[in-house]
Amino acid sequence: MYSLNWTDPTLKASFTLPDSVIDTTSTSLELTGKSSVNWGQPEIENFLQLLENFASNGAAPLHPTIGQSWYNNTTGRMNIYIGSADTYHSNVFWRELANRRIDFPNTGAITGPTYPGDLWFQTQPTPVLAGSFVVGNTYVIASVGTTDFTTIGASANTVGITFIATGAGTGTGTATAQYFLNITTDGINWSGVAPIVSPNFTGIPAAPTAAQGTNTKQLATTAFVTSSPKFTGIPIAPTAVLNTNTTQLATTAFVVTQISGTSAASFSAGTRIAFNMTTPPAGWTKDTSVSNDAVMRLVTGTVGSGGSNAFSTWNGYSSTGGHTLVTSEMPSHAHSITDPHHYHILVDNGHAHPLPNVFYVSAPWGGAATGNLGGSISTTETAATGITMNAASTGITGTNSAGSDGSHNHPLTNNVLYYDFIIAHN
């Protein structure tokens, strides 16, 4: 009986091989025990299978062991048995090995089938027409045409010059993109991995977190930043171009330039701003259509305008306008009249009353009247009553009227402090 040990006994347990037995289940090989009959053929076949890496058309070897290799002729790929699934290959125990392939495609794509992990070099990419260059990508001038490549990063307008595009370009010139390395993942061609200059990462790129206080060119992860790093000295960084709106670091030079008034393009078109200067900053246009000599009013609702009096006219008033009062605008008041006393005197100079004749009878009752009583008396005697009336003063006095019908005003002092502003738009 043989006691058989693997390379690492902690990885796989040892096992025994009985005498006179050919074991076909412990591994993919046929293991011949001591004194086995016809043991030669199995041994030779074992060598052949090892020589060809158990090559087959899609059927993996039976009873594999960790680290065993297998060539799948259907896919043309070598495989390694890992013994269990992992985070990236659920329920896949055979792992394909990546191939390194060298291709020279003219169309920018690999010829033939591709597999995860393929590496290939693109030597003849399709030329890109000016106007479609990607900023930050590396190109080689293929044809100049009417394009001025020196305006987009090239040192000269010469075929074969390599440059990093700083703009999309214009004209009829072409250039080939230089993809130094391409990698295939899950059967999809990924052309142009992130370049060294200005890489554009996607997803959630990760990197080792530097120790707090690190002051090098090592990438700063979010974990490093949130641990309150303390820079010393005068840290420097590349200054972004005007109006850059990304997560790139903002240097003092960028901030000063951005707020110096030359950043009108960073505002939405048509934005209107008040400036305390006669001439607006670069990028802004003075709006002369607004009313001149007007004040500014703050509102919480919709903006507007109104009024008709110029500010200097209103601010120059020294009194209110004249106005004539009418009766309804006068305060209630009264006028006094004084009458101390007065009287009238009556005077009667005398007057008389007429008196008719009185007849009498001298004969016995029943006879005719024969004469009158008193003879010729016809009126009463005259007598004075003493009534007289004299004229007298009433003694009534009153106030005299005063005033006029003219208008009046009240003094007014404005002289409000102010600063002049202009309205400008981008």
Protein backbone atom coordinates (compact mmCIF):
# COMPACT_ATOMS: atom_id res chain seq x y z
CA MET A 1 0.00 0.00 0.00
CA TYR A 2 1.21 3.45 -0.94
CA SER A 3 0.60 6.59 1.19
CA LEU A 4 0.46 9.50 -1.29
CA ASN A 5 1.09 13.16 -0.32
CA TRP A 6 0.27 16.33 -2.22
CA THR A 7 2.69 19.27 -2.51
CA ASP A 8 0.98 21.18 0.32
CA PRO A 9 -0.68 18.88 2.87
CA THR A 10 -2.58 21.89 4.30
CA LEU A 11 -4.27 22.38 0.92
CA LYS A 12 -5.19 18.75 0.16
CA ALA A 13 -5.16 15.72 2.46
CA SER A 14 -2.94 12.71 1.82
CA PHE A 15 -4.58 9.44 0.75
CA THR A 16 -3.67 5.77 0.38
CA LEU A 17 -3.44 3.60 -2.73
CA PRO A 18 -4.12 -0.11 -2.00
CA ASP A 19 -2.03 -2.81 -3.58
CA SER A 20 -3.13 -4.42 -6.87
CA VAL A 21 -5.65 -1.54 -7.46
CA ILE A 22 -5.83 0.96 -10.31
CA ASP A 23 -7.48 4.10 -8.81
CA THR A 24 -9.55 6.02 -11.44
CA THR A 25 -11.57 8.28 -9.05
CA SER A 26 -9.11 10.09 -6.82
CA THR A 27 -7.70 12.20 -9.69
CA SER A 28 -8.03 12.61 -13.43
CA LEU A 29 -5.09 10.17 -13.82
CA GLU A 30 -5.16 6.41 -13.34
CA LEU A 31 -3.04 5.62 -10.27
CA THR A 32 -1.61 2.09 -10.25
CA GLY A 33 -1.12 0.36 -6.90
CA LYS A 34 1.68 -2.06 -6.05
CA SER A 35 1.49 -5.36 -7.96
CA SER A 36 -1.29 -4.03 -10.25
CA VAL A 37 -1.98 -6.07 -13.36
CA ASN A 38 -1.41 -4.39 -16.73
CA TRP A 39 -0.16 -1.20 -15.03
CA GLY A 40 2.01 -0.13 -18.01
CA GLN A 41 -0.73 1.19 -20.30
CA PRO A 42 -2.37 3.40 -17.61
CA GLU A 43 1.01 4.90 -16.76
CA ILE A 44 1.78 5.73 -20.38
CA GLU A 45 -1.70 7.29 -20.89
CA ASN A 46 -1.14 9.38 -17.78
CA PHE A 47 1.95 10.88 -19.38
CA LEU A 48 0.08 11.58 -22.61
CA GLN A 49 -2.73 13.37 -20.78
CA LEU A 50 -0.24 15.46 -18.84
CA LEU A 51 1.56 16.25 -22.07
CA GLU A 52 -1.61 17.56 -23.74
CA ASN A 53 -3.08 19.12 -20.57
CA PHE A 54 -6.11 16.86 -20.81
CA ALA A 55 -7.07 18.47 -24.11
CA SER A 56 -10.71 17.97 -25.10
CA ASN A 57 -13.53 19.58 -27.06
CA GLY A 58 -15.33 21.34 -24.23
CA ALA A 59 -15.53 18.47 -21.71
CA ALA A 60 -13.48 19.16 -18.58
CA PRO A 61 -11.48 16.32 -17.04
CA LEU A 62 -13.17 14.16 -14.40
CA HIS A 63 -12.05 14.23 -10.79
CA PRO A 64 -9.86 17.36 -11.14
CA THR A 65 -7.70 18.66 -8.35
CA ILE A 66 -6.77 22.22 -7.40
CA GLY A 67 -4.07 23.62 -9.70
CA GLN A 68 -4.76 21.17 -12.53
CA SER A 69 -4.54 22.54 -16.08
CA TRP A 70 -6.90 21.75 -18.95
CA TYR A 71 -6.86 22.87 -22.57
CA ASN A 72 -10.34 23.48 -24.00
CA ASN A 73 -9.96 22.96 -27.74
CA THR A 74 -13.44 24.36 -28.43
CA THR A 75 -12.46 27.81 -27.16
CA GLY A 76 -8.73 27.48 -27.69
CA ARG A 77 -8.10 28.47 -24.09
CA MET A 78 -6.07 27.05 -21.24
CA ASN A 79 -7.91 26.64 -17.91
CA ILE A 80 -6.87 26.16 -14.30
CA TYR A 81 -9.00 24.32 -11.75
CA ILE A 82 -9.45 26.50 -8.63
CA GLY A 83 -11.63 24.08 -6.68
CA SER A 84 -14.35 26.58 -5.64
CA ALA A 85 -16.22 29.65 -6.86
CA ASP A 86 -14.96 33.14 -5.95
CA THR A 87 -16.33 36.66 -5.78
CA TYR A 88 -15.86 37.33 -9.48
CA HIS A 89 -16.71 33.88 -10.92
CA SER A 90 -19.74 32.48 -9.12
CA ASN A 91 -20.08 28.70 -9.64
CA VAL A 92 -17.14 28.66 -12.08
CA PHE A 93 -14.43 26.23 -10.88
CA TRP A 94 -12.30 26.25 -14.06
CA ARG A 95 -10.65 29.61 -14.68
CA GLU A 96 -9.60 30.59 -18.22
CA LEU A 97 -6.08 31.93 -18.61
CA ALA A 98 -5.64 35.25 -20.45
CA ASN A 99 -3.75 35.20 -23.72
CA ARG A 100 -1.41 37.90 -24.97
CA ARG A 101 -2.19 38.61 -28.59
CA ILE A 102 -0.49 40.91 -31.07
CA ASP A 103 -2.75 42.26 -33.83
CA PHE A 104 -2.30 44.89 -36.51
CA PRO A 105 -5.87 45.95 -37.39
CA ASN A 106 -6.63 48.81 -39.75
CA THR A 107 -10.14 49.34 -38.43
CA GLY A 108 -9.32 49.65 -34.76
CA ALA A 109 -10.74 46.22 -33.88
CA ILE A 110 -9.24 42.78 -33.29
CA THR A 111 -9.61 40.26 -36.09
CA GLY A 112 -11.04 36.93 -34.99
CA PRO A 113 -12.69 35.92 -31.72
CA THR A 114 -11.90 37.74 -28.48
CA TYR A 115 -11.86 36.49 -24.91
CA PRO A 116 -11.72 38.11 -21.47
CA GLY A 117 -8.18 39.21 -20.67
CA ASP A 118 -6.91 39.51 -24.25
CA LEU A 119 -4.20 42.11 -24.68
CA TRP A 120 -3.51 43.60 -28.09
CA PHE A 121 -1.71 46.49 -29.72
CA GLN A 122 -3.39 48.66 -32.33
CA THR A 123 -0.85 49.90 -34.86
CA GLN A 124 -3.05 51.31 -37.62
CA PRO A 125 -6.09 53.03 -36.11
CA THR A 126 -8.66 54.76 -38.31
CA PRO A 127 -7.81 58.47 -38.89
CA VAL A 128 -9.97 61.00 -37.05
CA LEU A 129 -11.24 64.08 -38.93
CA ALA A 130 -10.57 67.51 -37.42
CA GLY A 131 -13.54 68.63 -35.39
CA SER A 132 -13.77 65.26 -33.63
CA PHE A 133 -10.51 65.27 -31.64
CA VAL A 134 -10.99 64.54 -27.94
CA VAL A 135 -9.20 66.92 -25.57
CA GLY A 136 -6.49 65.05 -23.68
CA ASN A 137 -6.14 62.18 -26.17
CA THR A 138 -2.88 61.59 -28.04
CA TYR A 139 -2.86 61.77 -31.85
CA VAL A 140 -0.40 61.60 -34.76
CA ILE A 141 -0.99 63.93 -37.71
CA ALA A 142 -1.99 61.82 -40.74
CA SER A 143 -2.87 64.64 -43.17
CA VAL A 144 -2.73 68.43 -42.68
CA GLY A 145 -5.37 69.63 -45.14
CA THR A 146 -6.78 73.01 -44.05
CA THR A 147 -6.33 72.31 -40.33
CA ASP A 148 -3.93 74.35 -38.20
CA PHE A 149 -2.78 71.69 -35.74
CA THR A 150 -0.60 74.20 -33.86
CA THR A 151 -3.77 75.74 -32.42
CA ILE A 152 -4.77 72.45 -30.78
CA GLY A 153 -1.51 71.30 -29.25
CA ALA A 154 0.81 70.28 -32.10
CA SER A 155 4.32 71.76 -32.35
CA ALA A 156 4.07 72.01 -36.14
CA ASN A 157 1.71 71.27 -39.03
CA THR A 158 3.73 68.27 -40.17
CA VAL A 159 2.56 64.72 -40.88
CA GLY A 160 3.86 62.33 -38.22
CA ILE A 161 3.92 64.89 -35.38
CA THR A 162 2.51 63.46 -32.15
CA PHE A 163 0.42 65.83 -30.03
CA ILE A 164 -2.04 65.88 -27.16
CA ALA A 165 -5.26 67.52 -28.33
CA THR A 166 -6.21 70.78 -26.56
CA GLY A 167 -9.26 71.29 -28.77
CA ALA A 168 -11.55 69.55 -31.27
CA GLY A 169 -9.94 71.27 -34.25
CA THR A 170 -11.40 72.53 -37.53
CA GLY A 171 -10.77 71.98 -41.23
CA THR A 172 -10.05 68.91 -43.35
CA GLY A 173 -6.95 67.55 -41.57
CA THR A 174 -6.85 64.09 -40.02
CA ALA A 175 -4.89 62.40 -37.25
CA THR A 176 -4.70 58.87 -35.87
CA ALA A 177 -5.43 58.21 -32.20
CA GLN A 178 -2.61 56.42 -30.43
CA TYR A 179 -4.00 53.60 -28.29
CA PHE A 180 -0.92 51.97 -26.93
CA LEU A 181 -2.71 49.15 -25.15
CA ASN A 182 -6.12 47.60 -25.52
CA ILE A 183 -7.72 45.00 -23.30
CA THR A 184 -10.74 42.80 -23.90
CA THR A 185 -13.13 42.12 -21.01
CA ASP A 186 -16.10 39.76 -21.16
CA GLY A 187 -15.83 39.57 -24.94
CA ILE A 188 -16.11 43.35 -25.49
CA ASN A 189 -13.25 45.38 -27.00
CA TRP A 190 -12.14 48.26 -24.79
CA SER A 191 -10.15 50.49 -27.10
CA GLY A 192 -8.07 53.22 -25.57
CA VAL A 193 -7.50 52.67 -21.90
CA ALA A 194 -7.16 55.80 -19.75
CA PRO A 195 -4.18 57.82 -21.04
CA ILE A 196 -1.41 58.95 -18.73
CA VAL A 197 -2.15 62.62 -19.51
CA SER A 198 -5.51 63.81 -18.13
CA PRO A 199 -7.13 60.38 -17.68
CA ASN A 200 -10.93 60.39 -17.60
CA PHE A 201 -11.96 57.73 -15.10
CA THR A 202 -15.55 56.48 -14.82
CA GLY A 203 -17.41 54.60 -12.13
CA ILE A 204 -15.83 54.83 -8.68
CA PRO A 205 -12.04 54.70 -9.10
CA ALA A 206 -10.22 53.51 -5.98
CA ALA A 207 -6.68 54.03 -4.77
CA PRO A 208 -4.61 53.37 -1.64
CA THR A 209 -5.30 55.94 1.08
CA ALA A 210 -2.22 57.93 2.01
CA ALA A 211 -1.24 58.40 5.64
CA GLN A 212 -2.37 61.65 7.20
CA GLY A 213 0.19 64.37 6.64
CA THR A 214 1.44 62.85 3.37
CA ASN A 215 2.68 65.67 1.13
CA THR A 216 3.56 64.06 -2.19
CA LYS A 217 1.98 63.58 -5.61
CA GLN A 218 0.15 60.48 -4.39
CA LEU A 219 -3.58 60.47 -5.16
CA ALA A 220 -5.77 61.81 -2.36
CA THR A 221 -8.74 59.50 -1.74
CA THR A 222 -11.97 60.61 -0.08
CA ALA A 223 -10.83 58.81 3.06
CA PHE A 224 -7.63 60.89 3.10
CA VAL A 225 -9.49 64.18 2.58
CA THR A 226 -12.15 63.49 5.22
CA SER A 227 -9.43 62.76 7.76
CA SER A 228 -8.72 66.52 7.79
CA PRO A 229 -5.31 66.63 6.10
CA LYS A 230 -3.08 69.51 7.11
CA PHE A 231 -0.90 70.82 4.33
CA THR A 232 2.27 72.71 5.14
CA GLY A 233 4.37 75.09 3.15
CA ILE A 234 2.80 76.35 -0.09
CA PRO A 235 1.09 73.44 -1.88
CA ILE A 236 0.83 73.96 -5.65
CA ALA A 237 -1.23 72.40 -8.42
CA PRO A 238 -1.86 72.99 -12.16
CA THR A 239 -4.10 76.01 -12.74
CA ALA A 240 -7.35 75.15 -14.51
CA VAL A 241 -8.45 77.17 -17.54
CA LEU A 242 -11.02 79.93 -17.08
CA ASN A 243 -14.60 78.74 -16.38
CA THR A 244 -13.54 75.15 -15.62
CA ASN A 245 -16.39 73.55 -13.66
CA THR A 246 -15.11 70.17 -12.51
CA THR A 247 -13.61 68.56 -9.41
CA GLN A 248 -10.13 69.74 -10.43
CA LEU A 249 -8.27 71.64 -7.71
CA ALA A 250 -8.77 75.44 -7.84
CA THR A 251 -5.50 77.32 -7.36
CA THR A 252 -5.32 80.92 -6.16
CA ALA A 253 -4.47 81.98 -9.72
CA PHE A 254 -7.66 80.34 -10.98
CA VAL A 255 -9.83 81.94 -8.29
CA VAL A 256 -8.41 85.44 -8.83
CA THR A 257 -8.92 85.19 -12.58
CA GLN A 258 -12.40 83.73 -12.19
CA ILE A 259 -13.68 86.53 -9.95
CA SER A 260 -11.82 89.39 -11.62
CA GLY A 261 -14.75 90.17 -13.88
CA THR A 262 -13.60 88.19 -16.89
CA SER A 263 -15.85 85.28 -16.06
CA ALA A 264 -19.11 86.39 -17.66
CA ALA A 265 -19.26 83.09 -19.52
CA SER A 266 -19.72 81.26 -16.21
CA PHE A 267 -23.17 82.88 -15.90
CA SER A 268 -26.22 81.88 -17.95
CA ALA A 269 -26.69 83.93 -21.11
CA GLY A 270 -28.80 87.04 -20.48
CA THR A 271 -27.83 87.38 -16.81
CA ARG A 272 -28.17 91.01 -15.60
CA ILE A 273 -25.95 92.37 -12.81
CA ALA A 274 -25.47 95.83 -11.27
CA PHE A 275 -21.90 97.18 -11.25
CA ASN A 276 -20.60 100.18 -9.28
CA MET A 277 -18.39 101.30 -12.18
CA THR A 278 -18.82 103.35 -15.34
CA THR A 279 -17.56 100.65 -17.72
CA PRO A 280 -18.51 96.99 -17.09
CA PRO A 281 -15.83 94.26 -16.89
CA ALA A 282 -14.79 92.30 -19.95
CA GLY A 283 -17.51 89.96 -21.15
CA TRP A 284 -20.33 92.20 -19.94
CA THR A 285 -22.30 94.72 -22.00
CA LYS A 286 -23.66 97.94 -20.53
CA ASP A 287 -27.44 98.11 -20.91
CA THR A 288 -28.34 101.65 -22.02
CA SER A 289 -32.01 100.82 -22.58
CA VAL A 290 -32.84 101.16 -18.88
CA SER A 291 -34.09 104.50 -17.48
CA ASN A 292 -31.26 106.84 -16.55
CA ASP A 293 -31.09 108.58 -13.15
CA ALA A 294 -33.28 106.00 -11.34
CA VAL A 295 -33.05 104.46 -7.86
CA MET A 296 -32.82 100.73 -7.04
CA ARG A 297 -35.63 98.95 -5.18
CA LEU A 298 -35.41 95.56 -3.46
CA VAL A 299 -38.38 93.21 -3.83
CA THR A 300 -39.18 89.65 -2.72
CA GLY A 301 -41.49 88.95 -5.65
CA THR A 302 -41.38 89.50 -9.40
CA VAL A 303 -39.03 92.28 -10.53
CA GLY A 304 -40.29 95.25 -12.52
CA SER A 305 -39.95 99.02 -12.87
CA GLY A 306 -42.14 102.10 -12.50
CA GLY A 307 -42.36 105.77 -11.65
CA SER A 308 -41.62 108.80 -13.81
CA ASN A 309 -39.63 111.34 -11.73
CA ALA A 310 -35.85 111.25 -12.14
CA PHE A 311 -33.88 110.66 -8.95
CA SER A 312 -31.92 113.96 -9.18
CA THR A 313 -35.19 115.91 -9.64
CA TRP A 314 -36.82 114.28 -6.61
CA ASN A 315 -33.66 114.59 -4.54
CA GLY A 316 -33.46 118.31 -5.36
CA TYR A 317 -36.88 119.23 -3.92
CA SER A 318 -36.61 121.72 -0.98
CA SER A 319 -40.37 122.06 -0.31
CA THR A 320 -43.64 120.41 -1.10
CA GLY A 321 -45.82 121.63 -3.97
CA GLY A 322 -48.27 124.60 -3.40
CA HIS A 323 -51.94 123.84 -2.65
CA THR A 324 -54.99 126.09 -1.94
CA LEU A 325 -57.19 124.82 0.87
CA VAL A 326 -60.90 124.33 0.28
CA THR A 327 -63.61 124.46 2.96
CA SER A 328 -63.56 120.70 3.55
CA GLU A 329 -59.83 120.87 4.28
CA MET A 330 -60.14 123.68 6.91
CA PRO A 331 -60.17 122.82 10.63
CA SER A 332 -63.40 123.48 12.58
CA HIS A 333 -63.51 127.04 14.20
CA ALA A 334 -65.98 129.80 15.37
CA HIS A 335 -66.22 133.66 15.42
CA SER A 336 -67.39 135.51 18.68
CA ILE A 337 -70.05 138.39 18.84
CA THR A 338 -70.39 140.64 21.95
CA ASP A 339 -73.57 142.71 22.82
CA PRO A 340 -73.16 144.36 26.26
CA HIS A 341 -76.72 145.91 26.27
CA HIS A 342 -79.06 148.44 24.50
CA TYR A 343 -82.48 150.09 25.04
CA HIS A 344 -85.22 152.30 23.30
CA ILE A 345 -87.08 155.44 24.75
CA LEU A 346 -90.80 156.09 23.76
CA VAL A 347 -92.33 159.67 23.74
CA ASP A 348 -96.14 160.37 23.47
CA ASN A 349 -96.99 164.01 22.54
CA GLY A 350 -100.75 163.61 23.15
CA HIS A 351 -103.81 162.51 21.16
CA ALA A 352 -107.67 162.67 21.36
CA HIS A 353 -110.57 160.29 20.73
CA PRO A 354 -113.89 161.43 18.92
CA LEU A 355 -117.08 161.43 21.06
CA PRO A 356 -120.65 161.28 19.42
CA ASN A 357 -123.62 163.47 20.56
CA VAL A 358 -125.79 162.18 23.43
CA PHE A 359 -129.52 162.87 23.12
CA TYR A 360 -131.80 163.47 26.18
CA VAL A 361 -135.63 163.49 26.81
CA SER A 362 -137.26 166.46 28.56
CA ALA A 363 -140.87 165.19 28.42
CA PRO A 364 -142.28 162.35 30.35
CA TRP A 365 -141.11 158.79 29.30
CA GLY A 366 -142.37 157.93 25.98
CA GLY A 367 -142.13 161.40 24.49
CA ALA A 368 -139.81 162.49 21.65
CA ALA A 369 -136.29 163.68 22.22
CA THR A 370 -136.02 167.36 22.23
CA GLY A 371 -132.30 168.17 22.55
CA ASN A 372 -128.78 166.82 23.39
CA LEU A 373 -126.82 166.45 26.56
CA GLY A 374 -124.00 168.70 26.89
CA GLY A 375 -124.84 170.86 24.08
CA SER A 376 -122.11 170.88 21.39
CA ILE A 377 -119.53 168.26 22.85
CA SER A 378 -118.19 166.06 19.99
CA THR A 379 -114.73 164.70 21.19
CA THR A 380 -112.87 163.80 24.35
CA GLU A 381 -110.30 166.09 25.73
CA THR A 382 -106.79 165.90 24.48
CA ALA A 383 -104.18 164.26 26.86
CA ALA A 384 -100.48 163.22 26.56
CA THR A 385 -99.51 159.57 27.12
CA GLY A 386 -95.82 160.35 27.78
CA ILE A 387 -94.60 157.75 25.31
CA THR A 388 -91.37 158.64 23.51
CA MET A 389 -88.61 156.51 21.73
CA ASN A 390 -85.11 157.62 21.29
CA ALA A 391 -82.45 156.08 19.00
CA ALA A 392 -79.66 154.14 20.83
CA SER A 393 -76.44 152.15 19.96
CA THR A 394 -76.65 148.30 20.20
CA GLY A 395 -73.09 147.92 21.45
CA ILE A 396 -72.58 144.68 19.38
CA THR A 397 -68.92 144.02 18.44
CA GLY A 398 -67.27 141.11 16.41
CA THR A 399 -63.86 139.92 15.04
CA ASN A 400 -62.67 141.02 11.64
CA SER A 401 -61.92 138.62 8.77
CA ALA A 402 -58.26 137.77 7.98
CA GLY A 403 -56.18 135.70 5.53
CA SER A 404 -56.22 135.24 1.75
CA ASP A 405 -57.05 132.67 -0.92
CA GLY A 406 -53.40 131.96 -1.77
CA SER A 407 -51.68 128.50 -1.61
CA HIS A 408 -48.98 127.44 0.88
CA ASN A 409 -46.30 124.75 1.16
CA HIS A 410 -44.11 122.97 3.72
CA PRO A 411 -40.30 122.87 3.75
CA LEU A 412 -38.78 119.52 2.63
CA THR A 413 -35.16 118.30 2.83
CA ASN A 414 -34.26 115.19 0.76
CA ASN A 415 -30.56 115.15 -0.15
CA VAL A 416 -30.47 111.31 0.11
CA LEU A 417 -27.04 109.64 0.03
CA TYR A 418 -26.62 107.39 -3.02
CA TYR A 419 -24.15 105.42 -5.16
CA ASP A 420 -24.39 105.11 -8.91
CA PHE A 421 -24.69 101.65 -10.53
CA ILE A 422 -25.00 100.46 -14.11
CA ILE A 423 -26.88 97.40 -15.35
CA ALA A 424 -24.91 95.04 -17.60
CA HIS A 425 -25.65 91.66 -19.22
CA ASN A 426 -23.52 88.90 -20.71
